[in-house]
Amino acid sequence: MSSNTTTASTTTVTSVSNLAKFLANFDVETTTEILLDGKVRGLIFSEENNKLLTRYKVLKKLSLVGNKIKSLNNFPSIPTLETLLLDDNNISDGFDSLQGLSTLKTLSLAGNPIKSTYDLQPLFLVDTLQSLNLDSCPVQEEDYEDEIFKIIPQLVVLDNRDKDGESIDEDESEEEEEEGLDNNNGAN
C-alpha cells in the first residue's frame, strides 16, 4: 500500500516539475497563449500546478491537448481565459470546476470519454461560454444537440453548428465572437 502512495506522490511531483519546466518559457506579465499539447502528460490540477497557471495576468488561450488529463477537478480560476482546448484527454468529470472561468467563450473537449449530457450540466453556470466542441465523444452517439443547447442556453455553437444545425466555419465563429465582444464593449 505504501508503494502506491509513493507512486501517486511521485506522479504529482513529476507533473508539477514538468509543468513548471514548460511554463518557465512564458512571461507571466505578457503571455496571452500557452500551448502545452502532449507536454505535461498526466497533469493533475493540484494546488501547486494551479499556482503556476494563475500567475499569468493576461492569458487568453490555454491548450492542454493530449496530456492524458483524467479530471478537471480543482481546475484553476484564470480570470482572463477565453479559450480552453482539452481535446484527446481522458476527461469525463470535474466540469463544475470550470465555473470560475468568468471570461471563457470557447471550450473544446473533443475526443474525451464524455458519455452523457448530464455530465456537462455544470457548464450552465459558465455564463460566457459560446462555443463547445464535443467531436468524437461518446455523447454524440445519442441525440445530444437539442439537450446540450437546453442545458447550456448561452451556447451559440456546438461542434461547429448553430442551434438550427447550420454549419459554422471557425473563421465565421471567430468573427461572430469578435462582433459580440464589440457589441458588449459598446454597452458598457
N, C-alpha and C. Protein backbone atom coordinates (compact mmCIF):
# COMPACT_ATOMS: atom_id res chain seq x y z
N MET A 1 0.82 -1.20 0.00
CA MET A 1 0.00 0.00 0.00
C MET A 1 0.86 1.26 0.00
N SER A 2 1.96 1.23 0.74
CA SER A 2 2.81 2.42 0.75
C SER A 2 3.47 2.64 -0.60
N SER A 3 3.72 1.59 -1.39
CA SER A 3 4.30 1.80 -2.72
C SER A 3 3.33 2.53 -3.63
N ASN A 4 2.02 2.27 -3.50
CA ASN A 4 1.03 3.01 -4.28
C ASN A 4 1.02 4.48 -3.89
N THR A 5 1.11 4.76 -2.61
CA THR A 5 1.14 6.13 -2.14
C THR A 5 2.38 6.84 -2.67
N THR A 6 3.52 6.17 -2.62
CA THR A 6 4.75 6.75 -3.13
C THR A 6 4.63 7.03 -4.62
N THR A 7 4.07 6.10 -5.37
CA THR A 7 3.90 6.29 -6.80
C THR A 7 3.00 7.49 -7.09
N ALA A 8 1.90 7.60 -6.38
CA ALA A 8 0.99 8.74 -6.58
C ALA A 8 1.71 10.04 -6.29
N SER A 9 2.47 10.09 -5.22
CA SER A 9 3.21 11.30 -4.87
C SER A 9 4.24 11.62 -5.93
N THR A 10 4.93 10.62 -6.41
CA THR A 10 5.93 10.82 -7.44
C THR A 10 5.29 11.36 -8.71
N THR A 11 4.12 10.84 -9.07
CA THR A 11 3.41 11.32 -10.25
C THR A 11 3.06 12.79 -10.10
N THR A 12 2.56 13.18 -8.93
CA THR A 12 2.20 14.57 -8.69
C THR A 12 3.43 15.46 -8.77
N VAL A 13 4.51 15.05 -8.15
CA VAL A 13 5.74 15.84 -8.19
C VAL A 13 6.24 15.96 -9.62
N THR A 14 6.22 14.85 -10.37
CA THR A 14 6.65 14.88 -11.76
C THR A 14 5.77 15.82 -12.56
N SER A 15 4.46 15.75 -12.36
CA SER A 15 3.53 16.61 -13.08
C SER A 15 3.79 18.09 -12.75
N VAL A 16 4.08 18.40 -11.49
CA VAL A 16 4.37 19.78 -11.09
C VAL A 16 5.68 20.23 -11.73
N SER A 17 6.72 19.41 -11.61
CA SER A 17 8.01 19.82 -12.16
C SER A 17 7.96 19.93 -13.68
N ASN A 18 7.20 19.03 -14.36
CA ASN A 18 7.05 19.15 -15.81
C ASN A 18 6.33 20.43 -16.18
N LEU A 19 5.26 20.75 -15.51
CA LEU A 19 4.52 21.96 -15.79
C LEU A 19 5.41 23.18 -15.55
N ALA A 20 6.09 23.20 -14.42
CA ALA A 20 6.98 24.32 -14.10
C ALA A 20 8.06 24.47 -15.17
N LYS A 21 8.59 23.34 -15.61
CA LYS A 21 9.66 23.37 -16.63
C LYS A 21 9.15 24.01 -17.92
N PHE A 22 7.96 23.62 -18.37
CA PHE A 22 7.45 24.17 -19.62
C PHE A 22 6.95 25.60 -19.48
N LEU A 23 6.40 25.94 -18.33
CA LEU A 23 5.90 27.30 -18.12
C LEU A 23 7.04 28.31 -17.94
N ALA A 24 8.21 27.84 -17.61
CA ALA A 24 9.36 28.73 -17.41
C ALA A 24 9.67 29.54 -18.67
N ASN A 25 9.24 29.06 -19.83
CA ASN A 25 9.50 29.74 -21.09
C ASN A 25 8.50 30.87 -21.39
N PHE A 26 7.50 31.03 -20.56
CA PHE A 26 6.45 32.01 -20.81
C PHE A 26 6.50 33.14 -19.78
N ASP A 27 6.44 34.38 -20.25
CA ASP A 27 6.44 35.53 -19.36
C ASP A 27 5.07 35.70 -18.70
N VAL A 28 5.04 35.80 -17.37
CA VAL A 28 3.77 35.86 -16.65
C VAL A 28 3.01 37.17 -16.88
N GLU A 29 3.70 38.20 -17.29
CA GLU A 29 3.06 39.51 -17.49
C GLU A 29 2.48 39.70 -18.89
N THR A 30 3.06 39.04 -19.91
CA THR A 30 2.66 39.35 -21.29
C THR A 30 2.10 38.16 -22.08
N THR A 31 2.23 36.94 -21.58
CA THR A 31 1.80 35.77 -22.34
C THR A 31 0.28 35.71 -22.42
N THR A 32 -0.23 35.63 -23.66
CA THR A 32 -1.67 35.52 -23.87
C THR A 32 -2.07 34.11 -24.30
N GLU A 33 -1.09 33.30 -24.73
CA GLU A 33 -1.40 31.97 -25.23
C GLU A 33 -0.33 30.98 -24.76
N ILE A 34 -0.78 29.87 -24.18
CA ILE A 34 0.13 28.80 -23.76
C ILE A 34 -0.35 27.51 -24.40
N LEU A 35 0.54 26.90 -25.18
CA LEU A 35 0.24 25.64 -25.85
C LEU A 35 1.14 24.57 -25.26
N LEU A 36 0.55 23.65 -24.54
CA LEU A 36 1.30 22.56 -23.89
C LEU A 36 0.80 21.20 -24.36
N ASP A 37 0.45 21.11 -25.62
CA ASP A 37 -0.11 19.88 -26.18
C ASP A 37 0.88 18.73 -26.06
N GLY A 38 0.47 17.69 -25.33
CA GLY A 38 1.28 16.50 -25.17
C GLY A 38 2.53 16.66 -24.33
N LYS A 39 2.69 17.78 -23.67
CA LYS A 39 3.92 18.06 -22.93
C LYS A 39 3.85 17.75 -21.44
N VAL A 40 2.66 17.81 -20.85
CA VAL A 40 2.52 17.59 -19.40
C VAL A 40 1.56 16.42 -19.16
N ARG A 41 1.99 15.26 -19.59
CA ARG A 41 1.15 14.06 -19.50
C ARG A 41 0.79 13.73 -18.06
N GLY A 42 -0.47 13.36 -17.86
CA GLY A 42 -0.94 13.01 -16.52
C GLY A 42 -1.15 14.22 -15.63
N LEU A 43 -1.31 15.40 -16.22
CA LEU A 43 -1.47 16.63 -15.45
C LEU A 43 -2.65 16.52 -14.49
N ILE A 44 -2.38 16.91 -13.26
CA ILE A 44 -3.40 16.97 -12.20
C ILE A 44 -3.45 18.43 -11.76
N PHE A 45 -4.65 18.94 -11.53
CA PHE A 45 -4.79 20.33 -11.12
C PHE A 45 -4.65 20.43 -9.61
N SER A 46 -3.42 20.26 -9.17
CA SER A 46 -3.08 20.34 -7.76
C SER A 46 -2.91 21.81 -7.38
N GLU A 47 -2.81 22.08 -6.10
CA GLU A 47 -2.62 23.44 -5.62
C GLU A 47 -1.36 24.05 -6.23
N GLU A 48 -0.29 23.26 -6.30
CA GLU A 48 0.98 23.76 -6.85
C GLU A 48 0.84 24.10 -8.33
N ASN A 49 0.22 23.19 -9.10
CA ASN A 49 0.04 23.45 -10.53
C ASN A 49 -0.87 24.65 -10.76
N ASN A 50 -1.90 24.78 -9.95
CA ASN A 50 -2.82 25.91 -10.10
C ASN A 50 -2.12 27.23 -9.83
N LYS A 51 -1.24 27.26 -8.85
CA LYS A 51 -0.46 28.48 -8.58
C LYS A 51 0.38 28.85 -9.79
N LEU A 52 0.97 27.84 -10.42
CA LEU A 52 1.78 28.11 -11.62
C LEU A 52 0.92 28.71 -12.74
N LEU A 53 -0.27 28.18 -12.95
CA LEU A 53 -1.12 28.63 -14.05
C LEU A 53 -1.79 29.98 -13.77
N THR A 54 -2.12 30.26 -12.54
CA THR A 54 -2.85 31.51 -12.24
C THR A 54 -1.92 32.72 -12.18
N ARG A 55 -0.64 32.53 -12.31
CA ARG A 55 0.30 33.66 -12.31
C ARG A 55 0.20 34.49 -13.60
N TYR A 56 -0.35 33.91 -14.65
CA TYR A 56 -0.38 34.59 -15.95
C TYR A 56 -1.49 35.62 -15.98
N LYS A 57 -1.09 36.88 -16.07
CA LYS A 57 -2.00 38.02 -15.90
C LYS A 57 -2.94 38.26 -17.08
N VAL A 58 -2.51 37.91 -18.31
CA VAL A 58 -3.31 38.21 -19.50
C VAL A 58 -3.54 36.97 -20.37
N LEU A 59 -3.49 35.79 -19.77
CA LEU A 59 -3.65 34.54 -20.52
C LEU A 59 -5.06 34.43 -21.08
N LYS A 60 -5.16 34.31 -22.40
CA LYS A 60 -6.45 34.20 -23.06
C LYS A 60 -6.70 32.79 -23.59
N LYS A 61 -5.64 32.07 -23.97
CA LYS A 61 -5.81 30.75 -24.57
C LYS A 61 -4.85 29.76 -23.91
N LEU A 62 -5.42 28.63 -23.48
CA LEU A 62 -4.64 27.55 -22.88
C LEU A 62 -4.99 26.26 -23.61
N SER A 63 -3.97 25.60 -24.15
CA SER A 63 -4.18 24.35 -24.86
C SER A 63 -3.42 23.23 -24.15
N LEU A 64 -4.18 22.25 -23.69
CA LEU A 64 -3.63 21.09 -22.99
C LEU A 64 -4.06 19.80 -23.69
N VAL A 65 -4.03 19.81 -25.00
CA VAL A 65 -4.47 18.68 -25.82
C VAL A 65 -3.52 17.50 -25.62
N GLY A 66 -4.10 16.30 -25.50
CA GLY A 66 -3.32 15.07 -25.48
C GLY A 66 -2.39 14.90 -24.30
N ASN A 67 -2.83 15.29 -23.12
CA ASN A 67 -1.99 15.18 -21.93
C ASN A 67 -2.45 14.11 -20.95
N LYS A 68 -3.40 13.28 -21.36
CA LYS A 68 -3.92 12.21 -20.51
C LYS A 68 -4.51 12.74 -19.20
N ILE A 69 -5.09 13.92 -19.25
CA ILE A 69 -5.76 14.51 -18.09
C ILE A 69 -7.02 13.69 -17.83
N LYS A 70 -7.24 13.30 -16.57
CA LYS A 70 -8.39 12.46 -16.23
C LYS A 70 -9.57 13.24 -15.71
N SER A 71 -9.30 14.37 -15.05
CA SER A 71 -10.37 15.12 -14.42
C SER A 71 -10.05 16.60 -14.42
N LEU A 72 -11.09 17.41 -14.43
CA LEU A 72 -10.93 18.86 -14.31
C LEU A 72 -11.15 19.33 -12.88
N ASN A 73 -11.29 18.39 -11.95
CA ASN A 73 -11.45 18.78 -10.55
C ASN A 73 -10.34 19.73 -10.14
N ASN A 74 -10.71 20.79 -9.47
CA ASN A 74 -9.79 21.82 -8.98
C ASN A 74 -9.12 22.62 -10.09
N PHE A 75 -9.72 22.68 -11.28
CA PHE A 75 -9.14 23.48 -12.36
C PHE A 75 -8.99 24.91 -11.87
N PRO A 76 -7.87 25.56 -12.16
CA PRO A 76 -7.63 26.91 -11.63
C PRO A 76 -8.57 27.96 -12.22
N SER A 77 -8.90 28.94 -11.43
CA SER A 77 -9.69 30.06 -11.89
C SER A 77 -8.73 31.07 -12.53
N ILE A 78 -8.77 31.14 -13.85
CA ILE A 78 -7.92 32.05 -14.60
C ILE A 78 -8.84 33.13 -15.15
N PRO A 79 -8.84 34.31 -14.56
CA PRO A 79 -9.88 35.31 -14.86
C PRO A 79 -9.87 35.87 -16.29
N THR A 80 -8.78 35.71 -17.04
CA THR A 80 -8.72 36.25 -18.39
C THR A 80 -8.88 35.20 -19.48
N LEU A 81 -9.02 33.93 -19.10
CA LEU A 81 -9.04 32.83 -20.05
C LEU A 81 -10.31 32.83 -20.90
N GLU A 82 -10.14 32.87 -22.23
CA GLU A 82 -11.26 32.88 -23.17
C GLU A 82 -11.40 31.57 -23.93
N THR A 83 -10.27 30.87 -24.16
CA THR A 83 -10.28 29.64 -24.94
C THR A 83 -9.53 28.56 -24.18
N LEU A 84 -10.19 27.41 -24.01
CA LEU A 84 -9.59 26.27 -23.32
C LEU A 84 -9.74 25.05 -24.21
N LEU A 85 -8.60 24.49 -24.63
CA LEU A 85 -8.59 23.33 -25.52
C LEU A 85 -8.10 22.12 -24.74
N LEU A 86 -8.98 21.15 -24.57
CA LEU A 86 -8.68 19.96 -23.77
C LEU A 86 -8.94 18.67 -24.57
N ASP A 87 -8.79 18.74 -25.87
CA ASP A 87 -9.06 17.60 -26.74
C ASP A 87 -8.14 16.42 -26.42
N ASP A 88 -8.65 15.23 -26.72
CA ASP A 88 -7.87 13.99 -26.67
C ASP A 88 -7.19 13.74 -25.33
N ASN A 89 -7.96 13.90 -24.27
CA ASN A 89 -7.52 13.54 -22.92
C ASN A 89 -8.43 12.40 -22.45
N ASN A 90 -8.50 12.18 -21.16
CA ASN A 90 -9.38 11.15 -20.59
C ASN A 90 -10.40 11.77 -19.64
N ILE A 91 -10.84 12.97 -19.94
CA ILE A 91 -11.70 13.75 -19.05
C ILE A 91 -13.16 13.30 -19.18
N SER A 92 -13.76 13.00 -18.03
CA SER A 92 -15.18 12.69 -18.02
C SER A 92 -15.89 13.35 -16.85
N ASP A 93 -15.14 14.09 -16.01
CA ASP A 93 -15.80 14.77 -14.88
C ASP A 93 -15.02 16.01 -14.46
N GLY A 94 -15.56 16.67 -13.46
CA GLY A 94 -14.93 17.87 -12.92
C GLY A 94 -15.32 19.15 -13.64
N PHE A 95 -16.37 19.10 -14.45
CA PHE A 95 -16.76 20.27 -15.23
C PHE A 95 -17.23 21.43 -14.34
N ASP A 96 -17.68 21.12 -13.13
CA ASP A 96 -18.09 22.19 -12.21
C ASP A 96 -16.90 23.08 -11.84
N SER A 97 -15.69 22.59 -11.97
CA SER A 97 -14.51 23.39 -11.66
C SER A 97 -14.27 24.49 -12.70
N LEU A 98 -14.95 24.42 -13.83
CA LEU A 98 -14.80 25.45 -14.86
C LEU A 98 -15.69 26.66 -14.60
N GLN A 99 -16.55 26.57 -13.61
CA GLN A 99 -17.48 27.67 -13.31
C GLN A 99 -16.77 28.94 -12.87
N GLY A 100 -15.53 28.85 -12.46
CA GLY A 100 -14.77 30.03 -12.06
C GLY A 100 -14.13 30.77 -13.22
N LEU A 101 -14.33 30.27 -14.44
CA LEU A 101 -13.74 30.91 -15.62
C LEU A 101 -14.73 31.92 -16.18
N SER A 102 -14.68 33.12 -15.66
CA SER A 102 -15.70 34.14 -15.93
C SER A 102 -15.62 34.77 -17.32
N THR A 103 -14.58 34.46 -18.10
CA THR A 103 -14.48 35.01 -19.45
C THR A 103 -14.37 33.92 -20.52
N LEU A 104 -14.56 32.67 -20.13
CA LEU A 104 -14.41 31.55 -21.06
C LEU A 104 -15.50 31.58 -22.13
N LYS A 105 -15.07 31.62 -23.40
CA LYS A 105 -16.01 31.64 -24.52
C LYS A 105 -15.99 30.34 -25.30
N THR A 106 -14.80 29.74 -25.44
CA THR A 106 -14.65 28.55 -26.28
C THR A 106 -14.04 27.42 -25.46
N LEU A 107 -14.71 26.28 -25.48
CA LEU A 107 -14.24 25.09 -24.77
C LEU A 107 -14.27 23.93 -25.74
N SER A 108 -13.13 23.28 -25.91
CA SER A 108 -13.08 22.10 -26.78
C SER A 108 -12.71 20.88 -25.96
N LEU A 109 -13.61 19.91 -25.98
CA LEU A 109 -13.46 18.66 -25.24
C LEU A 109 -13.47 17.46 -26.19
N ALA A 110 -13.18 17.68 -27.46
CA ALA A 110 -13.23 16.61 -28.46
C ALA A 110 -12.34 15.44 -28.06
N GLY A 111 -12.84 14.24 -28.33
CA GLY A 111 -12.04 13.05 -28.09
C GLY A 111 -11.89 12.64 -26.63
N ASN A 112 -12.78 13.13 -25.77
CA ASN A 112 -12.79 12.73 -24.36
C ASN A 112 -13.95 11.76 -24.13
N PRO A 113 -13.86 10.91 -23.09
CA PRO A 113 -14.89 9.89 -22.87
C PRO A 113 -16.15 10.41 -22.17
N ILE A 114 -16.69 11.51 -22.66
CA ILE A 114 -17.91 12.09 -22.09
C ILE A 114 -19.09 11.33 -22.67
N LYS A 115 -19.85 10.65 -21.79
CA LYS A 115 -20.89 9.74 -22.26
C LYS A 115 -22.29 10.33 -22.22
N SER A 116 -22.50 11.33 -21.36
CA SER A 116 -23.86 11.81 -21.13
C SER A 116 -23.92 13.34 -21.10
N THR A 117 -25.03 13.86 -21.59
CA THR A 117 -25.24 15.31 -21.50
C THR A 117 -25.33 15.74 -20.04
N TYR A 118 -25.79 14.84 -19.19
CA TYR A 118 -25.90 15.13 -17.76
C TYR A 118 -24.55 15.56 -17.18
N ASP A 119 -23.47 14.93 -17.63
CA ASP A 119 -22.13 15.25 -17.14
C ASP A 119 -21.75 16.70 -17.42
N LEU A 120 -22.33 17.29 -18.45
CA LEU A 120 -21.97 18.64 -18.87
C LEU A 120 -22.84 19.73 -18.24
N GLN A 121 -23.83 19.35 -17.43
CA GLN A 121 -24.73 20.34 -16.83
C GLN A 121 -24.03 21.46 -16.06
N PRO A 122 -22.91 21.21 -15.39
CA PRO A 122 -22.26 22.31 -14.68
C PRO A 122 -21.82 23.46 -15.59
N LEU A 123 -21.70 23.22 -16.89
CA LEU A 123 -21.29 24.28 -17.82
C LEU A 123 -22.38 25.34 -17.96
N PHE A 124 -23.58 25.04 -17.49
CA PHE A 124 -24.68 26.01 -17.47
C PHE A 124 -24.26 27.29 -16.74
N LEU A 125 -23.41 27.14 -15.73
CA LEU A 125 -23.00 28.30 -14.93
C LEU A 125 -21.77 29.02 -15.45
N VAL A 126 -21.28 28.62 -16.62
CA VAL A 126 -20.20 29.36 -17.28
C VAL A 126 -20.91 30.32 -18.24
N ASP A 127 -21.33 31.45 -17.69
CA ASP A 127 -22.21 32.39 -18.40
C ASP A 127 -21.69 32.85 -19.76
N THR A 128 -20.38 32.94 -19.92
CA THR A 128 -19.80 33.48 -21.15
C THR A 128 -19.55 32.43 -22.22
N LEU A 129 -19.79 31.15 -21.92
CA LEU A 129 -19.50 30.07 -22.86
C LEU A 129 -20.38 30.17 -24.09
N GLN A 130 -19.75 30.31 -25.26
CA GLN A 130 -20.48 30.45 -26.52
C GLN A 130 -20.28 29.27 -27.45
N SER A 131 -19.11 28.61 -27.37
CA SER A 131 -18.78 27.55 -28.31
C SER A 131 -18.24 26.33 -27.56
N LEU A 132 -18.81 25.16 -27.89
CA LEU A 132 -18.41 23.91 -27.26
C LEU A 132 -18.17 22.87 -28.35
N ASN A 133 -17.06 22.17 -28.26
CA ASN A 133 -16.73 21.13 -29.22
C ASN A 133 -16.70 19.78 -28.51
N LEU A 134 -17.55 18.87 -28.95
CA LEU A 134 -17.63 17.52 -28.40
C LEU A 134 -17.38 16.46 -29.47
N ASP A 135 -16.72 16.83 -30.56
CA ASP A 135 -16.44 15.87 -31.62
C ASP A 135 -15.74 14.64 -31.06
N SER A 136 -16.13 13.49 -31.56
CA SER A 136 -15.53 12.20 -31.20
C SER A 136 -15.68 11.83 -29.72
N CYS A 137 -16.70 12.36 -29.08
CA CYS A 137 -17.02 11.97 -27.70
C CYS A 137 -18.20 10.99 -27.76
N PRO A 138 -18.25 10.00 -26.86
CA PRO A 138 -19.37 9.05 -26.86
C PRO A 138 -20.74 9.70 -26.75
N VAL A 139 -20.83 10.89 -26.17
CA VAL A 139 -22.12 11.58 -26.03
C VAL A 139 -22.76 11.80 -27.40
N GLN A 140 -21.97 11.83 -28.46
CA GLN A 140 -22.51 12.06 -29.80
C GLN A 140 -23.33 10.87 -30.31
N GLU A 141 -23.20 9.75 -29.65
CA GLU A 141 -23.96 8.56 -30.06
C GLU A 141 -25.44 8.71 -29.77
N GLU A 142 -25.80 9.60 -28.86
CA GLU A 142 -27.21 9.86 -28.58
C GLU A 142 -27.60 11.14 -29.30
N ASP A 143 -28.88 11.44 -29.33
CA ASP A 143 -29.36 12.68 -29.92
C ASP A 143 -29.10 13.77 -28.88
N TYR A 144 -27.95 14.38 -28.95
CA TYR A 144 -27.47 15.23 -27.87
C TYR A 144 -27.59 16.72 -28.11
N GLU A 145 -27.67 17.16 -29.37
CA GLU A 145 -27.59 18.58 -29.67
C GLU A 145 -28.65 19.42 -28.96
N ASP A 146 -29.92 19.04 -29.12
CA ASP A 146 -31.00 19.82 -28.50
C ASP A 146 -30.84 19.85 -26.98
N GLU A 147 -30.47 18.72 -26.41
CA GLU A 147 -30.30 18.64 -24.96
C GLU A 147 -29.17 19.55 -24.48
N ILE A 148 -28.05 19.58 -25.21
CA ILE A 148 -26.92 20.44 -24.83
C ILE A 148 -27.35 21.91 -24.90
N PHE A 149 -28.04 22.30 -25.97
CA PHE A 149 -28.48 23.69 -26.09
C PHE A 149 -29.50 24.04 -24.99
N LYS A 150 -30.26 23.07 -24.50
CA LYS A 150 -31.20 23.32 -23.40
C LYS A 150 -30.46 23.52 -22.08
N ILE A 151 -29.49 22.64 -21.80
CA ILE A 151 -28.82 22.72 -20.50
C ILE A 151 -27.76 23.82 -20.45
N ILE A 152 -27.30 24.27 -21.63
CA ILE A 152 -26.35 25.38 -21.70
C ILE A 152 -26.94 26.43 -22.65
N PRO A 153 -27.94 27.17 -22.21
CA PRO A 153 -28.69 28.05 -23.12
C PRO A 153 -27.87 29.20 -23.70
N GLN A 154 -26.78 29.59 -23.05
CA GLN A 154 -25.95 30.67 -23.58
C GLN A 154 -25.09 30.22 -24.76
N LEU A 155 -25.04 28.92 -25.01
CA LEU A 155 -24.23 28.35 -26.08
C LEU A 155 -24.77 28.78 -27.44
N VAL A 156 -23.86 29.19 -28.33
CA VAL A 156 -24.22 29.62 -29.68
C VAL A 156 -23.80 28.56 -30.70
N VAL A 157 -22.66 27.91 -30.45
CA VAL A 157 -22.09 26.95 -31.40
C VAL A 157 -21.77 25.65 -30.67
N LEU A 158 -22.23 24.54 -31.24
CA LEU A 158 -21.91 23.21 -30.72
C LEU A 158 -21.36 22.39 -31.89
N ASP A 159 -20.14 21.93 -31.75
CA ASP A 159 -19.50 21.12 -32.80
C ASP A 159 -19.57 21.80 -34.16
N ASN A 160 -19.25 23.10 -34.17
CA ASN A 160 -19.24 23.92 -35.39
C ASN A 160 -20.60 24.02 -36.08
N ARG A 161 -21.68 23.91 -35.28
CA ARG A 161 -23.03 24.09 -35.80
C ARG A 161 -23.81 24.99 -34.84
N ASP A 162 -24.70 25.80 -35.41
CA ASP A 162 -25.53 26.65 -34.55
C ASP A 162 -26.75 25.88 -34.06
N LYS A 163 -27.63 26.54 -33.34
CA LYS A 163 -28.81 25.88 -32.76
C LYS A 163 -29.76 25.30 -33.80
N ASP A 164 -29.70 25.84 -35.02
CA ASP A 164 -30.54 25.34 -36.10
C ASP A 164 -29.87 24.21 -36.88
N GLY A 165 -28.66 23.85 -36.48
CA GLY A 165 -27.94 22.78 -37.16
C GLY A 165 -27.14 23.24 -38.36
N GLU A 166 -27.11 24.56 -38.57
CA GLU A 166 -26.35 25.11 -39.69
C GLU A 166 -24.86 25.10 -39.37
N SER A 167 -24.07 24.72 -40.37
CA SER A 167 -22.62 24.66 -40.19
C SER A 167 -22.03 26.06 -40.02
N ILE A 168 -21.11 26.16 -39.09
CA ILE A 168 -20.42 27.43 -38.82
C ILE A 168 -18.94 27.19 -39.06
N ASP A 169 -18.34 27.99 -39.94
CA ASP A 169 -16.90 27.91 -40.13
C ASP A 169 -16.22 28.44 -38.88
N GLU A 170 -15.00 27.98 -38.62
CA GLU A 170 -14.26 28.51 -37.48
C GLU A 170 -14.01 30.00 -37.66
N ASP A 171 -13.71 30.43 -38.91
CA ASP A 171 -13.46 31.85 -39.17
C ASP A 171 -14.71 32.66 -38.89
N GLU A 172 -15.89 32.15 -39.34
CA GLU A 172 -17.16 32.84 -39.08
C GLU A 172 -17.42 32.92 -37.59
N SER A 173 -17.15 31.82 -36.88
CA SER A 173 -17.39 31.76 -35.44
C SER A 173 -16.53 32.80 -34.72
N GLU A 174 -15.26 32.92 -35.12
CA GLU A 174 -14.38 33.91 -34.50
C GLU A 174 -14.87 35.31 -34.79
N GLU A 175 -15.33 35.57 -36.04
CA GLU A 175 -15.86 36.89 -36.38
C GLU A 175 -17.09 37.22 -35.54
N GLU A 176 -18.00 36.22 -35.37
CA GLU A 176 -19.20 36.44 -34.58
C GLU A 176 -18.83 36.74 -33.13
N GLU A 177 -17.83 36.01 -32.59
CA GLU A 177 -17.40 36.27 -31.22
C GLU A 177 -16.84 37.67 -31.09
N GLU A 178 -16.03 38.10 -32.09
CA GLU A 178 -15.47 39.45 -32.05
C GLU A 178 -16.56 40.50 -32.12
N GLU A 179 -17.56 40.27 -32.99
CA GLU A 179 -18.68 41.21 -33.09
C GLU A 179 -19.43 41.27 -31.77
N GLY A 180 -19.64 40.11 -31.16
CA GLY A 180 -20.30 40.06 -29.86
C GLY A 180 -19.50 40.83 -28.82
N LEU A 181 -18.19 40.72 -28.88
CA LEU A 181 -17.33 41.47 -27.96
C LEU A 181 -17.49 42.96 -28.19
N ASP A 182 -17.45 43.37 -29.48
CA ASP A 182 -17.60 44.80 -29.79
C ASP A 182 -18.93 45.32 -29.29
N ASN A 183 -19.99 44.55 -29.49
CA ASN A 183 -21.31 44.96 -29.03
C ASN A 183 -21.36 45.02 -27.51
N ASN A 184 -20.75 44.05 -26.84
CA ASN A 184 -20.72 44.07 -25.38
C ASN A 184 -19.89 45.22 -24.85
N ASN A 185 -18.79 45.52 -25.51
CA ASN A 185 -17.95 46.63 -25.06
C ASN A 185 -18.66 47.96 -25.26
N GLY A 186 -19.44 48.07 -26.32
CA GLY A 186 -20.18 49.29 -26.57
C GLY A 186 -21.29 49.51 -25.54
N ALA A 187 -21.79 48.41 -24.95
CA ALA A 187 -22.87 48.52 -23.97
C ALA A 187 -22.37 49.00 -22.63
N ASN A 188 -21.07 48.86 -22.38
CA ASN A 188 -20.52 49.24 -21.06
C ASN A 188 -20.32 50.70 -20.94
